[in-house]
N, C-alpha and C. Protein backbone atom coordinates (compact mmCIF):
# COMPACT_ATOMS: atom_id res chain seq x y z
N UNK A 1 0.84 -1.18 0.00
CA UNK A 1 0.00 0.00 0.00
C UNK A 1 0.88 1.24 0.00
N UNK A 2 0.35 2.31 -0.47
CA UNK A 2 1.07 3.58 -0.38
C UNK A 2 1.06 4.06 1.06
N UNK A 3 1.97 4.94 1.39
CA UNK A 3 2.04 5.45 2.76
C UNK A 3 1.01 6.53 3.05
N UNK A 4 0.39 7.07 1.99
CA UNK A 4 -0.59 8.16 2.17
C UNK A 4 -1.46 8.23 0.93
N UNK A 5 -2.51 9.07 0.95
CA UNK A 5 -3.40 9.16 -0.21
C UNK A 5 -2.71 9.61 -1.50
N UNK A 6 -1.75 10.54 -1.43
CA UNK A 6 -1.10 11.01 -2.65
C UNK A 6 -0.03 10.05 -3.15
N UNK A 7 0.43 9.14 -2.28
CA UNK A 7 1.40 8.13 -2.68
C UNK A 7 2.85 8.54 -2.56
N UNK A 8 3.13 9.72 -2.00
CA UNK A 8 4.53 10.17 -1.93
C UNK A 8 5.06 10.31 -0.51
N UNK A 9 4.36 9.76 0.47
CA UNK A 9 4.84 9.81 1.85
C UNK A 9 6.18 9.09 1.95
N UNK A 10 7.15 9.74 2.54
CA UNK A 10 8.47 9.14 2.70
C UNK A 10 9.39 9.32 1.51
N UNK A 11 8.91 9.99 0.44
CA UNK A 11 9.73 10.18 -0.75
C UNK A 11 10.22 11.63 -0.85
N UNK A 12 10.37 12.30 0.25
CA UNK A 12 10.82 13.69 0.22
C UNK A 12 12.27 13.75 -0.23
N UNK A 13 12.47 13.57 -1.55
CA UNK A 13 13.82 13.51 -2.09
C UNK A 13 14.11 14.63 -3.09
N UNK A 14 13.28 15.66 -3.10
CA UNK A 14 13.51 16.77 -4.01
C UNK A 14 12.71 16.65 -5.30
N UNK A 15 12.41 15.44 -5.74
CA UNK A 15 11.63 15.27 -6.96
C UNK A 15 10.15 15.51 -6.71
N UNK A 16 9.63 14.79 -5.77
CA UNK A 16 8.23 14.94 -5.38
C UNK A 16 8.16 14.75 -3.88
N UNK A 17 7.20 15.36 -3.28
CA UNK A 17 7.04 15.18 -1.85
C UNK A 17 5.56 15.05 -1.52
N UNK A 18 5.30 14.50 -0.38
CA UNK A 18 3.93 14.27 0.07
C UNK A 18 3.23 15.60 0.30
N UNK A 19 2.00 15.67 -0.15
CA UNK A 19 1.20 16.88 0.03
C UNK A 19 0.09 16.66 1.06
N UNK A 20 0.06 15.50 1.68
CA UNK A 20 -1.00 15.15 2.62
C UNK A 20 -0.72 15.71 4.01
N UNK A 21 -1.77 16.07 4.70
CA UNK A 21 -1.62 16.51 6.09
C UNK A 21 -1.43 15.28 6.96
N UNK A 22 -0.96 15.49 8.18
CA UNK A 22 -0.78 14.36 9.09
C UNK A 22 -2.12 13.71 9.40
N UNK A 23 -3.19 14.49 9.42
CA UNK A 23 -4.53 13.94 9.65
C UNK A 23 -4.94 13.03 8.50
N UNK A 24 -4.67 13.46 7.26
CA UNK A 24 -4.99 12.62 6.11
C UNK A 24 -4.21 11.32 6.12
N UNK A 25 -2.93 11.41 6.45
CA UNK A 25 -2.08 10.21 6.51
C UNK A 25 -2.61 9.27 7.58
N UNK A 26 -2.92 9.80 8.75
CA UNK A 26 -3.42 8.98 9.86
C UNK A 26 -4.75 8.32 9.47
N UNK A 27 -5.65 9.07 8.87
CA UNK A 27 -6.95 8.53 8.46
C UNK A 27 -6.76 7.45 7.39
N UNK A 28 -5.88 7.70 6.44
CA UNK A 28 -5.61 6.74 5.36
C UNK A 28 -5.07 5.43 5.93
N UNK A 29 -4.10 5.53 6.81
CA UNK A 29 -3.52 4.32 7.39
C UNK A 29 -4.48 3.63 8.35
N UNK A 30 -5.40 4.39 8.92
CA UNK A 30 -6.39 3.83 9.83
C UNK A 30 -7.38 2.92 9.14
N UNK A 31 -7.43 2.98 7.79
CA UNK A 31 -8.32 2.09 7.05
C UNK A 31 -7.96 0.62 7.29
N UNK A 32 -6.67 0.37 7.48
CA UNK A 32 -6.23 -0.98 7.81
C UNK A 32 -6.03 -1.03 9.31
N UNK A 33 -6.83 -1.82 9.96
CA UNK A 33 -6.79 -1.87 11.41
C UNK A 33 -5.49 -2.46 11.93
N UNK A 34 -5.14 -2.10 13.15
CA UNK A 34 -3.96 -2.66 13.81
C UNK A 34 -4.00 -4.18 13.86
N UNK A 35 -5.14 -4.76 14.27
CA UNK A 35 -5.21 -6.23 14.30
C UNK A 35 -4.99 -6.87 12.93
N UNK A 36 -5.44 -6.23 11.86
CA UNK A 36 -5.20 -6.76 10.52
C UNK A 36 -3.71 -6.67 10.19
N UNK A 37 -3.10 -5.52 10.45
CA UNK A 37 -1.68 -5.34 10.17
C UNK A 37 -0.83 -6.31 10.99
N UNK A 38 -1.27 -6.62 12.20
CA UNK A 38 -0.57 -7.59 13.05
C UNK A 38 -0.48 -8.96 12.40
N UNK A 39 -1.43 -9.25 11.53
CA UNK A 39 -1.48 -10.57 10.89
C UNK A 39 -0.61 -10.65 9.63
N UNK A 40 0.01 -9.55 9.27
CA UNK A 40 0.91 -9.53 8.12
C UNK A 40 2.33 -9.65 8.66
N UNK A 41 3.04 -10.67 8.23
CA UNK A 41 4.36 -10.98 8.80
C UNK A 41 5.41 -9.93 8.49
N UNK A 42 5.42 -9.43 7.28
CA UNK A 42 6.51 -8.54 6.85
C UNK A 42 5.94 -7.24 6.31
N UNK A 43 6.40 -6.13 6.89
CA UNK A 43 6.05 -4.79 6.41
C UNK A 43 7.35 -4.15 5.95
N UNK A 44 7.40 -3.68 4.74
CA UNK A 44 8.60 -3.03 4.24
C UNK A 44 8.26 -1.69 3.61
N UNK A 45 9.11 -0.73 3.83
CA UNK A 45 9.01 0.52 3.09
C UNK A 45 9.91 0.36 1.88
N UNK A 46 9.37 0.61 0.72
CA UNK A 46 10.14 0.45 -0.51
C UNK A 46 10.34 1.84 -1.11
N UNK A 47 11.59 2.31 -1.14
CA UNK A 47 11.84 3.65 -1.67
C UNK A 47 11.68 3.70 -3.19
N UNK A 48 11.52 4.91 -3.68
CA UNK A 48 11.43 5.12 -5.12
C UNK A 48 12.71 4.61 -5.77
N UNK A 49 12.57 4.00 -6.91
CA UNK A 49 13.72 3.51 -7.66
C UNK A 49 14.03 4.51 -8.76
N UNK A 50 15.27 4.96 -8.81
CA UNK A 50 15.70 5.88 -9.85
C UNK A 50 16.28 5.08 -11.01
N UNK A 51 16.19 5.62 -12.20
CA UNK A 51 16.60 4.91 -13.39
C UNK A 51 18.06 4.44 -13.34
N UNK A 52 18.90 5.20 -12.69
CA UNK A 52 20.32 4.85 -12.63
C UNK A 52 20.53 3.45 -12.04
N UNK A 53 19.64 3.02 -11.21
CA UNK A 53 19.75 1.68 -10.60
C UNK A 53 19.74 0.61 -11.68
N UNK A 54 18.94 0.82 -12.73
CA UNK A 54 18.85 -0.17 -13.79
C UNK A 54 20.09 -0.17 -14.68
N UNK A 55 20.80 0.93 -14.70
CA UNK A 55 22.00 1.03 -15.53
C UNK A 55 23.20 0.36 -14.88
N UNK A 56 23.18 0.22 -13.56
CA UNK A 56 24.30 -0.40 -12.85
C UNK A 56 24.29 -1.90 -13.11
N UNK A 57 25.45 -2.44 -13.29
CA UNK A 57 25.59 -3.87 -13.55
C UNK A 57 26.27 -4.56 -12.37
N UNK A 58 25.73 -4.36 -11.19
CA UNK A 58 26.31 -4.97 -9.99
C UNK A 58 25.99 -6.46 -9.97
N UNK A 59 26.98 -7.23 -9.61
CA UNK A 59 26.78 -8.66 -9.48
C UNK A 59 26.22 -8.95 -8.08
N UNK A 60 25.13 -9.63 -8.05
CA UNK A 60 24.53 -10.03 -6.78
C UNK A 60 24.23 -11.51 -6.83
N UNK A 61 23.53 -11.96 -5.85
CA UNK A 61 23.14 -13.36 -5.80
C UNK A 61 22.15 -13.64 -6.93
N UNK A 62 22.36 -14.70 -7.67
CA UNK A 62 21.48 -15.03 -8.80
C UNK A 62 20.16 -15.61 -8.29
N UNK A 63 19.16 -15.56 -9.15
CA UNK A 63 17.86 -16.16 -8.81
C UNK A 63 18.01 -17.65 -8.52
N UNK A 64 18.88 -18.30 -9.26
CA UNK A 64 19.12 -19.74 -9.05
C UNK A 64 19.68 -19.98 -7.64
N UNK A 65 20.62 -19.14 -7.22
CA UNK A 65 21.22 -19.28 -5.88
C UNK A 65 20.18 -19.00 -4.79
N UNK A 66 19.37 -17.99 -5.00
CA UNK A 66 18.33 -17.65 -4.02
C UNK A 66 17.33 -18.80 -3.92
N UNK A 67 16.92 -19.31 -5.07
CA UNK A 67 15.97 -20.43 -5.08
C UNK A 67 16.54 -21.63 -4.32
N UNK A 68 17.80 -21.93 -4.53
CA UNK A 68 18.43 -23.07 -3.84
C UNK A 68 18.43 -22.85 -2.33
N UNK A 69 18.70 -21.62 -1.90
CA UNK A 69 18.68 -21.32 -0.46
C UNK A 69 17.28 -21.47 0.11
N UNK A 70 16.28 -20.99 -0.62
CA UNK A 70 14.89 -21.09 -0.17
C UNK A 70 14.47 -22.56 -0.10
N UNK A 71 14.82 -23.32 -1.10
CA UNK A 71 14.46 -24.75 -1.11
C UNK A 71 15.14 -25.48 0.05
N UNK A 72 16.37 -25.12 0.36
CA UNK A 72 17.08 -25.74 1.49
C UNK A 72 16.38 -25.36 2.81
N UNK A 73 15.96 -24.10 2.93
CA UNK A 73 15.26 -23.66 4.14
C UNK A 73 13.93 -24.42 4.29
N UNK A 74 13.24 -24.64 3.19
CA UNK A 74 11.98 -25.41 3.23
C UNK A 74 12.24 -26.85 3.65
N UNK A 75 13.33 -27.39 3.16
CA UNK A 75 13.72 -28.76 3.54
C UNK A 75 14.01 -28.84 5.05
N UNK A 76 14.71 -27.86 5.56
CA UNK A 76 15.02 -27.79 7.00
C UNK A 76 13.72 -27.75 7.80
N UNK A 77 12.76 -26.95 7.33
CA UNK A 77 11.48 -26.83 8.04
C UNK A 77 10.68 -28.13 7.95
N UNK A 78 10.67 -28.76 6.79
CA UNK A 78 9.97 -30.05 6.66
C UNK A 78 10.53 -31.07 7.64
N UNK A 79 11.84 -31.09 7.75
CA UNK A 79 12.49 -32.02 8.66
C UNK A 79 12.16 -31.68 10.12
N UNK A 80 12.21 -30.40 10.45
CA UNK A 80 11.93 -29.95 11.82
C UNK A 80 10.52 -30.35 12.24
N UNK A 81 9.57 -30.20 11.35
CA UNK A 81 8.17 -30.42 11.70
C UNK A 81 7.63 -31.78 11.25
N UNK A 82 8.54 -32.69 10.90
CA UNK A 82 8.13 -34.03 10.46
C UNK A 82 7.22 -34.66 11.52
N UNK A 83 6.10 -35.20 11.06
CA UNK A 83 5.15 -35.86 11.95
C UNK A 83 4.21 -34.90 12.65
N UNK A 84 4.32 -33.62 12.36
CA UNK A 84 3.44 -32.62 12.96
C UNK A 84 2.51 -32.09 11.87
N UNK A 85 1.53 -31.34 12.27
CA UNK A 85 0.60 -30.75 11.30
C UNK A 85 1.09 -29.37 10.86
N UNK A 86 2.38 -29.17 10.89
CA UNK A 86 3.00 -27.91 10.53
C UNK A 86 3.94 -28.17 9.36
N UNK A 87 3.90 -27.27 8.37
CA UNK A 87 4.82 -27.39 7.25
C UNK A 87 5.88 -26.29 7.26
N UNK A 88 5.49 -25.11 7.74
CA UNK A 88 6.36 -23.93 7.67
C UNK A 88 6.41 -23.22 9.01
N UNK A 89 7.44 -22.41 9.19
CA UNK A 89 7.58 -21.63 10.43
C UNK A 89 6.37 -20.74 10.70
N UNK A 90 5.77 -20.21 9.65
CA UNK A 90 4.63 -19.31 9.82
C UNK A 90 3.46 -20.00 10.51
N UNK A 91 3.42 -21.32 10.47
CA UNK A 91 2.31 -22.07 11.06
C UNK A 91 2.55 -22.44 12.53
N UNK A 92 3.70 -22.06 13.08
CA UNK A 92 3.98 -22.42 14.47
C UNK A 92 2.98 -21.76 15.41
N UNK A 93 2.59 -22.51 16.41
CA UNK A 93 1.79 -21.98 17.50
C UNK A 93 2.72 -21.61 18.66
N UNK A 94 2.14 -21.21 19.77
CA UNK A 94 2.94 -20.77 20.93
C UNK A 94 3.89 -21.86 21.41
N UNK A 95 3.43 -23.09 21.46
CA UNK A 95 4.28 -24.19 21.94
C UNK A 95 5.48 -24.40 21.01
N UNK A 96 5.25 -24.36 19.71
CA UNK A 96 6.34 -24.55 18.76
C UNK A 96 7.30 -23.36 18.76
N UNK A 97 6.77 -22.16 18.93
CA UNK A 97 7.64 -20.98 19.01
C UNK A 97 8.57 -21.12 20.20
N UNK A 98 8.01 -21.54 21.33
CA UNK A 98 8.83 -21.71 22.53
C UNK A 98 9.92 -22.77 22.32
N UNK A 99 9.60 -23.79 21.57
CA UNK A 99 10.56 -24.87 21.35
C UNK A 99 11.58 -24.56 20.25
N UNK A 100 11.12 -23.98 19.14
CA UNK A 100 11.99 -23.84 17.97
C UNK A 100 12.49 -22.42 17.70
N UNK A 101 11.99 -21.45 18.42
CA UNK A 101 12.40 -20.06 18.16
C UNK A 101 12.99 -19.42 19.43
N UNK A 102 13.79 -20.19 20.12
CA UNK A 102 14.44 -19.68 21.33
C UNK A 102 15.53 -18.69 20.97
N UNK A 103 15.68 -17.70 21.84
CA UNK A 103 16.69 -16.67 21.62
C UNK A 103 17.75 -16.73 22.71
N UNK A 104 18.94 -16.31 22.37
CA UNK A 104 19.97 -16.18 23.39
C UNK A 104 19.72 -14.86 24.13
N UNK A 105 20.55 -14.57 25.11
CA UNK A 105 20.35 -13.39 25.95
C UNK A 105 20.33 -12.10 25.13
N UNK A 106 21.26 -11.98 24.17
CA UNK A 106 21.34 -10.78 23.34
C UNK A 106 20.12 -10.64 22.43
N UNK A 107 19.68 -11.74 21.85
CA UNK A 107 18.48 -11.72 21.02
C UNK A 107 17.25 -11.33 21.83
N UNK A 108 17.16 -11.87 23.04
CA UNK A 108 16.05 -11.52 23.94
C UNK A 108 16.06 -10.02 24.25
N UNK A 109 17.26 -9.49 24.54
CA UNK A 109 17.38 -8.07 24.85
C UNK A 109 16.93 -7.21 23.67
N UNK A 110 17.37 -7.58 22.48
CA UNK A 110 16.97 -6.85 21.27
C UNK A 110 15.46 -6.85 21.11
N UNK A 111 14.86 -8.02 21.24
CA UNK A 111 13.41 -8.13 21.06
C UNK A 111 12.66 -7.39 22.16
N UNK A 112 13.14 -7.47 23.37
CA UNK A 112 12.50 -6.76 24.48
C UNK A 112 12.53 -5.25 24.22
N UNK A 113 13.70 -4.74 23.81
CA UNK A 113 13.82 -3.31 23.52
C UNK A 113 12.88 -2.89 22.39
N UNK A 114 12.82 -3.68 21.33
CA UNK A 114 11.92 -3.36 20.22
C UNK A 114 10.47 -3.40 20.68
N UNK A 115 10.13 -4.39 21.48
CA UNK A 115 8.77 -4.54 21.99
C UNK A 115 8.35 -3.28 22.76
N UNK A 116 9.25 -2.82 23.62
CA UNK A 116 8.93 -1.65 24.45
C UNK A 116 8.97 -0.35 23.65
N UNK A 117 9.99 -0.18 22.80
CA UNK A 117 10.15 1.05 22.03
C UNK A 117 9.07 1.22 20.97
N UNK A 118 8.71 0.12 20.32
CA UNK A 118 7.76 0.18 19.21
C UNK A 118 6.33 -0.07 19.67
N UNK A 119 6.15 -0.45 20.92
CA UNK A 119 4.81 -0.74 21.42
C UNK A 119 4.17 -1.92 20.69
N UNK A 120 4.97 -2.97 20.49
CA UNK A 120 4.49 -4.13 19.74
C UNK A 120 3.41 -4.91 20.48
N UNK A 121 2.58 -5.56 19.73
CA UNK A 121 1.55 -6.43 20.30
C UNK A 121 2.15 -7.83 20.51
N UNK A 122 1.42 -8.66 21.23
CA UNK A 122 1.85 -10.04 21.42
C UNK A 122 1.91 -10.77 20.07
N UNK A 123 0.97 -10.45 19.19
CA UNK A 123 0.96 -11.08 17.87
C UNK A 123 2.19 -10.66 17.07
N UNK A 124 2.57 -9.38 17.11
CA UNK A 124 3.77 -8.91 16.40
C UNK A 124 5.02 -9.59 16.97
N UNK A 125 5.06 -9.77 18.28
CA UNK A 125 6.17 -10.45 18.94
C UNK A 125 6.33 -11.86 18.36
N UNK A 126 5.22 -12.58 18.25
CA UNK A 126 5.26 -13.94 17.70
C UNK A 126 5.68 -13.93 16.24
N UNK A 127 5.18 -12.96 15.48
CA UNK A 127 5.54 -12.86 14.06
C UNK A 127 7.04 -12.62 13.89
N UNK A 128 7.61 -11.78 14.72
CA UNK A 128 9.05 -11.50 14.66
C UNK A 128 9.83 -12.78 14.92
N UNK A 129 9.42 -13.55 15.91
CA UNK A 129 10.12 -14.80 16.21
C UNK A 129 10.03 -15.79 15.05
N UNK A 130 8.88 -15.88 14.41
CA UNK A 130 8.71 -16.78 13.27
C UNK A 130 9.58 -16.34 12.10
N UNK A 131 9.61 -15.05 11.83
CA UNK A 131 10.43 -14.54 10.73
C UNK A 131 11.91 -14.72 11.05
N UNK A 132 12.31 -14.47 12.30
CA UNK A 132 13.71 -14.67 12.70
C UNK A 132 14.11 -16.14 12.52
N UNK A 133 13.19 -17.06 12.85
CA UNK A 133 13.47 -18.49 12.66
C UNK A 133 13.70 -18.78 11.17
N UNK A 134 12.90 -18.17 10.32
CA UNK A 134 13.03 -18.37 8.88
C UNK A 134 14.33 -17.78 8.35
N UNK A 135 14.71 -16.61 8.83
CA UNK A 135 15.98 -16.00 8.41
C UNK A 135 17.14 -16.91 8.82
N UNK A 136 17.07 -17.45 10.02
CA UNK A 136 18.11 -18.39 10.48
C UNK A 136 18.13 -19.63 9.59
N UNK A 137 16.96 -20.13 9.21
CA UNK A 137 16.89 -21.30 8.32
C UNK A 137 17.52 -21.00 6.97
N UNK A 138 17.32 -19.79 6.46
CA UNK A 138 17.91 -19.41 5.17
C UNK A 138 19.44 -19.41 5.24
N UNK A 139 19.98 -19.19 6.45
CA UNK A 139 21.43 -19.26 6.66
C UNK A 139 21.86 -20.65 7.14
N UNK A 140 20.91 -21.58 7.20
CA UNK A 140 21.15 -22.93 7.69
C UNK A 140 21.74 -22.93 9.10
N UNK A 141 21.20 -22.03 9.93
CA UNK A 141 21.65 -21.90 11.31
C UNK A 141 20.63 -22.55 12.24
N UNK A 142 21.11 -23.44 13.11
CA UNK A 142 20.21 -24.06 14.09
C UNK A 142 19.75 -23.04 15.12
N UNK A 143 20.63 -22.11 15.44
CA UNK A 143 20.34 -21.07 16.44
C UNK A 143 19.82 -19.81 15.77
N UNK A 144 18.94 -19.12 16.47
CA UNK A 144 18.54 -17.79 16.03
C UNK A 144 19.50 -16.82 16.72
N UNK A 145 20.27 -16.11 15.93
CA UNK A 145 21.27 -15.18 16.46
C UNK A 145 20.70 -13.76 16.49
N UNK A 146 21.33 -12.88 17.25
CA UNK A 146 20.83 -11.50 17.33
C UNK A 146 20.64 -10.82 15.97
N UNK A 147 21.51 -11.10 15.01
CA UNK A 147 21.34 -10.44 13.70
C UNK A 147 20.08 -10.96 12.98
N UNK A 148 19.65 -12.18 13.27
CA UNK A 148 18.40 -12.68 12.70
C UNK A 148 17.22 -11.92 13.31
N UNK A 149 17.28 -11.71 14.62
CA UNK A 149 16.23 -10.98 15.33
C UNK A 149 16.17 -9.54 14.83
N UNK A 150 17.35 -8.90 14.70
CA UNK A 150 17.40 -7.52 14.23
C UNK A 150 16.80 -7.38 12.84
N UNK A 151 17.11 -8.33 11.96
CA UNK A 151 16.54 -8.27 10.61
C UNK A 151 15.03 -8.44 10.65
N UNK A 152 14.55 -9.38 11.44
CA UNK A 152 13.11 -9.61 11.55
C UNK A 152 12.40 -8.37 12.10
N UNK A 153 13.00 -7.70 13.05
CA UNK A 153 12.41 -6.47 13.60
C UNK A 153 12.31 -5.42 12.51
N UNK A 154 13.31 -5.33 11.65
CA UNK A 154 13.30 -4.34 10.57
C UNK A 154 12.15 -4.57 9.60
N UNK A 155 11.64 -5.78 9.54
CA UNK A 155 10.52 -6.09 8.65
C UNK A 155 9.18 -5.72 9.26
N UNK A 156 9.17 -5.00 10.36
CA UNK A 156 7.93 -4.53 10.98
C UNK A 156 7.84 -3.01 10.83
N UNK A 157 8.11 -2.49 9.65
CA UNK A 157 8.18 -1.05 9.40
C UNK A 157 6.94 -0.29 9.86
N UNK A 158 5.77 -0.84 9.64
CA UNK A 158 4.55 -0.12 9.98
C UNK A 158 4.30 -0.08 11.48
N UNK A 159 4.96 -0.95 12.24
CA UNK A 159 4.85 -0.91 13.69
C UNK A 159 5.67 0.24 14.27
N UNK A 160 6.62 0.78 13.48
CA UNK A 160 7.50 1.84 13.98
C UNK A 160 6.87 3.21 13.89
N UNK A 161 5.71 3.31 13.27
CA UNK A 161 5.13 4.64 13.01
C UNK A 161 4.09 5.01 14.03
């Protein structure tokens, strides 16, 4: 979704800027309720793309490599949940989160700080843990490390506003 009715919220880059009042932005975003947004695992702000980006020929991870990593993460999850009625991390309930999405002391501290600073709900807390578990799986890590938690927190952009 756009950040506001005019579609330029957050793009104050000299080319175009938002013309909406804070009341209009608040009313626009209020159309999607907090409980509905809580049910969306990943919120990202996507900045405007300038044409120069397409001209750059930077080498990055290929689609084939990304697909292989995703397939490996799915395999890890299938193995983890073998014999259960769960296929993916997103389907974990409270019991499975407690068992499979444990954090070390530093990860706990990060999540606690985000919870308090961002005013997260219990549902957002659970979503962050599920996403952090998935990020760890993509790295083939048995443990969820603080950088996995930090990345998962970053995917809750709309909770920060």
